[in-house]
N, C-alpha and C. Protein backbone atom coordinates (compact mmCIF):
# COMPACT_ATOMS: atom_id res chain seq x y z
N UNK A 1 -47.89 -29.78 36.72
CA UNK A 1 -46.86 -30.63 37.28
C UNK A 1 -47.50 -31.86 37.90
N UNK A 2 -48.21 -32.57 37.11
CA UNK A 2 -48.92 -33.74 37.58
C UNK A 2 -47.95 -34.89 37.86
N UNK A 3 -47.97 -35.41 39.07
CA UNK A 3 -47.18 -36.55 39.50
C UNK A 3 -45.70 -36.43 39.11
N UNK A 4 -45.11 -35.29 39.35
CA UNK A 4 -43.71 -35.08 39.01
C UNK A 4 -42.77 -35.75 40.01
N UNK A 5 -43.30 -36.16 41.15
CA UNK A 5 -42.47 -36.77 42.19
C UNK A 5 -43.10 -38.10 42.63
N UNK A 6 -42.90 -39.15 41.84
CA UNK A 6 -43.53 -40.42 42.18
C UNK A 6 -42.91 -41.12 43.39
N UNK A 7 -41.64 -40.81 43.70
CA UNK A 7 -40.96 -41.47 44.81
C UNK A 7 -39.76 -40.65 45.27
N UNK A 8 -39.36 -40.89 46.49
CA UNK A 8 -38.11 -40.32 47.01
C UNK A 8 -36.99 -41.36 46.97
N UNK A 9 -37.30 -42.55 46.53
CA UNK A 9 -36.32 -43.63 46.51
C UNK A 9 -35.36 -43.43 45.34
N UNK A 10 -34.06 -43.50 45.63
CA UNK A 10 -33.03 -43.38 44.62
C UNK A 10 -32.02 -44.51 44.81
N UNK A 11 -31.28 -44.81 43.76
CA UNK A 11 -30.33 -45.93 43.82
C UNK A 11 -29.06 -45.60 44.59
N UNK A 12 -28.66 -44.33 44.55
CA UNK A 12 -27.39 -43.95 45.16
C UNK A 12 -27.53 -42.61 45.88
N UNK A 13 -26.59 -42.31 46.77
CA UNK A 13 -26.59 -40.99 47.38
C UNK A 13 -26.46 -39.85 46.35
N UNK A 14 -25.68 -40.07 45.29
CA UNK A 14 -25.54 -39.03 44.26
C UNK A 14 -26.89 -38.75 43.59
N UNK A 15 -27.63 -39.80 43.29
CA UNK A 15 -28.97 -39.60 42.72
C UNK A 15 -29.88 -38.92 43.74
N UNK A 16 -29.70 -39.25 45.01
CA UNK A 16 -30.48 -38.61 46.06
C UNK A 16 -30.18 -37.13 46.15
N UNK A 17 -28.92 -36.77 45.99
CA UNK A 17 -28.54 -35.36 46.03
C UNK A 17 -29.14 -34.62 44.82
N UNK A 18 -29.06 -35.25 43.65
CA UNK A 18 -29.69 -34.65 42.46
C UNK A 18 -31.18 -34.41 42.68
N UNK A 19 -31.83 -35.37 43.32
CA UNK A 19 -33.25 -35.22 43.62
C UNK A 19 -33.47 -34.06 44.60
N UNK A 20 -32.60 -33.92 45.58
CA UNK A 20 -32.72 -32.82 46.54
C UNK A 20 -32.61 -31.47 45.83
N UNK A 21 -31.70 -31.36 44.89
CA UNK A 21 -31.56 -30.12 44.11
C UNK A 21 -32.84 -29.88 43.31
N UNK A 22 -33.37 -30.93 42.71
CA UNK A 22 -34.60 -30.78 41.94
C UNK A 22 -35.76 -30.32 42.83
N UNK A 23 -35.85 -30.88 44.03
CA UNK A 23 -36.90 -30.47 44.95
C UNK A 23 -36.79 -28.97 45.25
N UNK A 24 -35.58 -28.50 45.47
CA UNK A 24 -35.38 -27.08 45.75
C UNK A 24 -35.77 -26.22 44.55
N UNK A 25 -35.37 -26.66 43.36
CA UNK A 25 -35.68 -25.89 42.14
C UNK A 25 -37.18 -25.86 41.87
N UNK A 26 -37.84 -26.98 42.06
CA UNK A 26 -39.29 -27.02 41.84
C UNK A 26 -40.01 -26.13 42.85
N UNK A 27 -39.52 -26.11 44.07
CA UNK A 27 -40.14 -25.24 45.09
C UNK A 27 -40.06 -23.78 44.67
N UNK A 28 -38.93 -23.37 44.11
CA UNK A 28 -38.80 -21.98 43.65
C UNK A 28 -39.77 -21.72 42.51
N UNK A 29 -39.87 -22.65 41.57
CA UNK A 29 -40.79 -22.46 40.44
C UNK A 29 -42.24 -22.42 40.89
N UNK A 30 -42.58 -23.21 41.90
CA UNK A 30 -43.96 -23.20 42.38
C UNK A 30 -44.25 -21.93 43.20
N UNK A 31 -43.24 -21.43 43.90
CA UNK A 31 -43.40 -20.22 44.68
C UNK A 31 -43.48 -18.99 43.79
N UNK A 32 -42.63 -18.97 42.75
CA UNK A 32 -42.64 -17.86 41.78
C UNK A 32 -42.76 -18.44 40.38
N UNK A 33 -44.00 -18.64 39.93
CA UNK A 33 -44.21 -19.28 38.63
C UNK A 33 -43.86 -18.42 37.42
N UNK A 34 -43.64 -17.14 37.61
CA UNK A 34 -43.34 -16.24 36.49
C UNK A 34 -41.85 -16.36 36.13
N UNK A 35 -41.57 -16.97 34.98
CA UNK A 35 -40.20 -17.17 34.53
C UNK A 35 -39.44 -15.86 34.42
N UNK A 36 -40.08 -14.84 33.91
CA UNK A 36 -39.41 -13.54 33.74
C UNK A 36 -38.98 -12.97 35.09
N UNK A 37 -39.80 -13.12 36.09
CA UNK A 37 -39.44 -12.62 37.42
C UNK A 37 -38.25 -13.40 37.96
N UNK A 38 -38.29 -14.74 37.84
CA UNK A 38 -37.17 -15.55 38.32
C UNK A 38 -35.87 -15.17 37.62
N UNK A 39 -35.94 -14.96 36.30
CA UNK A 39 -34.74 -14.58 35.55
C UNK A 39 -34.23 -13.20 35.95
N UNK A 40 -35.14 -12.29 36.27
CA UNK A 40 -34.74 -10.95 36.69
C UNK A 40 -34.09 -10.99 38.07
N UNK A 41 -34.56 -11.86 38.94
CA UNK A 41 -34.02 -11.93 40.31
C UNK A 41 -32.72 -12.71 40.42
N UNK A 42 -32.48 -13.63 39.49
CA UNK A 42 -31.31 -14.50 39.61
C UNK A 42 -29.99 -13.74 39.75
N UNK A 43 -29.72 -12.71 38.94
CA UNK A 43 -28.44 -11.99 39.12
C UNK A 43 -28.28 -11.39 40.52
N UNK A 44 -29.40 -11.04 41.13
CA UNK A 44 -29.34 -10.45 42.47
C UNK A 44 -28.86 -11.49 43.48
N UNK A 45 -29.51 -12.65 43.53
CA UNK A 45 -29.10 -13.63 44.54
C UNK A 45 -27.84 -14.38 44.14
N UNK A 46 -27.49 -14.41 42.86
CA UNK A 46 -26.27 -15.09 42.43
C UNK A 46 -25.02 -14.41 42.96
N UNK A 47 -25.12 -13.15 43.31
CA UNK A 47 -23.98 -12.39 43.84
C UNK A 47 -24.07 -12.17 45.34
N UNK A 48 -25.03 -12.81 46.00
CA UNK A 48 -25.25 -12.60 47.43
C UNK A 48 -24.90 -13.87 48.20
N UNK A 49 -23.84 -13.81 48.98
CA UNK A 49 -23.37 -14.99 49.72
C UNK A 49 -24.44 -15.53 50.66
N UNK A 50 -25.19 -14.66 51.30
CA UNK A 50 -26.24 -15.13 52.21
C UNK A 50 -27.34 -15.88 51.46
N UNK A 51 -27.70 -15.41 50.29
CA UNK A 51 -28.72 -16.10 49.49
C UNK A 51 -28.21 -17.45 49.03
N UNK A 52 -26.95 -17.51 48.63
CA UNK A 52 -26.39 -18.78 48.17
C UNK A 52 -26.28 -19.78 49.33
N UNK A 53 -25.93 -19.28 50.51
CA UNK A 53 -25.87 -20.15 51.69
C UNK A 53 -27.27 -20.65 52.03
N UNK A 54 -28.27 -19.80 51.93
CA UNK A 54 -29.65 -20.21 52.20
C UNK A 54 -30.10 -21.27 51.20
N UNK A 55 -29.74 -21.11 49.94
CA UNK A 55 -30.10 -22.11 48.93
C UNK A 55 -29.43 -23.44 49.24
N UNK A 56 -28.17 -23.40 49.65
CA UNK A 56 -27.48 -24.63 50.02
C UNK A 56 -28.15 -25.30 51.21
N UNK A 57 -28.62 -24.51 52.14
CA UNK A 57 -29.32 -25.07 53.31
C UNK A 57 -30.60 -25.78 52.89
N UNK A 58 -31.34 -25.17 51.99
CA UNK A 58 -32.58 -25.80 51.51
C UNK A 58 -32.28 -27.14 50.86
N UNK A 59 -31.25 -27.19 50.03
CA UNK A 59 -30.87 -28.46 49.39
C UNK A 59 -30.46 -29.47 50.46
N UNK A 60 -29.72 -29.04 51.47
CA UNK A 60 -29.29 -29.95 52.53
C UNK A 60 -30.48 -30.53 53.28
N UNK A 61 -31.47 -29.72 53.55
CA UNK A 61 -32.68 -30.22 54.24
C UNK A 61 -33.40 -31.24 53.36
N UNK A 62 -33.53 -30.94 52.07
CA UNK A 62 -34.15 -31.90 51.16
C UNK A 62 -33.33 -33.19 51.08
N UNK A 63 -32.00 -33.06 51.06
CA UNK A 63 -31.15 -34.25 50.98
C UNK A 63 -31.31 -35.10 52.24
N UNK A 64 -31.44 -34.49 53.39
CA UNK A 64 -31.66 -35.25 54.62
C UNK A 64 -32.97 -36.04 54.54
N UNK A 65 -33.99 -35.44 53.98
CA UNK A 65 -35.27 -36.12 53.81
C UNK A 65 -35.14 -37.30 52.85
N UNK A 66 -34.49 -37.07 51.72
CA UNK A 66 -34.30 -38.14 50.73
C UNK A 66 -33.44 -39.26 51.33
N UNK A 67 -32.39 -38.90 52.04
CA UNK A 67 -31.52 -39.91 52.65
C UNK A 67 -32.29 -40.77 53.65
N UNK A 68 -33.11 -40.14 54.46
CA UNK A 68 -33.92 -40.90 55.42
C UNK A 68 -34.90 -41.81 54.70
N UNK A 69 -35.50 -41.34 53.64
CA UNK A 69 -36.44 -42.17 52.86
C UNK A 69 -35.74 -43.37 52.25
N UNK A 70 -34.46 -43.25 52.01
CA UNK A 70 -33.68 -44.33 51.42
C UNK A 70 -32.90 -45.12 52.47
N UNK A 71 -33.29 -44.95 53.73
CA UNK A 71 -32.61 -45.64 54.83
C UNK A 71 -31.10 -45.44 54.72
N UNK A 72 -30.72 -44.25 54.30
CA UNK A 72 -29.31 -43.87 54.18
C UNK A 72 -28.54 -44.83 53.30
N UNK A 73 -29.23 -45.43 52.34
CA UNK A 73 -28.65 -46.31 51.33
C UNK A 73 -27.99 -47.56 51.92
N UNK A 74 -28.41 -47.92 53.13
CA UNK A 74 -27.93 -49.17 53.72
C UNK A 74 -29.07 -50.17 53.71
N UNK A 75 -28.75 -51.37 53.29
CA UNK A 75 -29.76 -52.42 53.29
C UNK A 75 -30.02 -52.87 54.72
N UNK A 76 -31.27 -53.16 55.01
CA UNK A 76 -31.60 -53.73 56.31
C UNK A 76 -31.12 -55.18 56.34
N UNK A 77 -30.43 -55.54 57.38
CA UNK A 77 -29.92 -56.92 57.49
C UNK A 77 -30.33 -57.54 58.78
């Protein structure tokens, strides 16, 4: 995964949110690189409200970071 994240800068909040989701997904892949294990575990957490809430929290934290890096998409004046 060489240079997969060249910048946190995005054109819009929607692109920033997509980047936040990607950050979360990449973190899971780096934490558990075995595809078979991830696929075996997915049905377990897909049916667990606490796991889904935790995943949403991780995305929200990443989105806050991306938003700050983008000065909340407001131009400095």
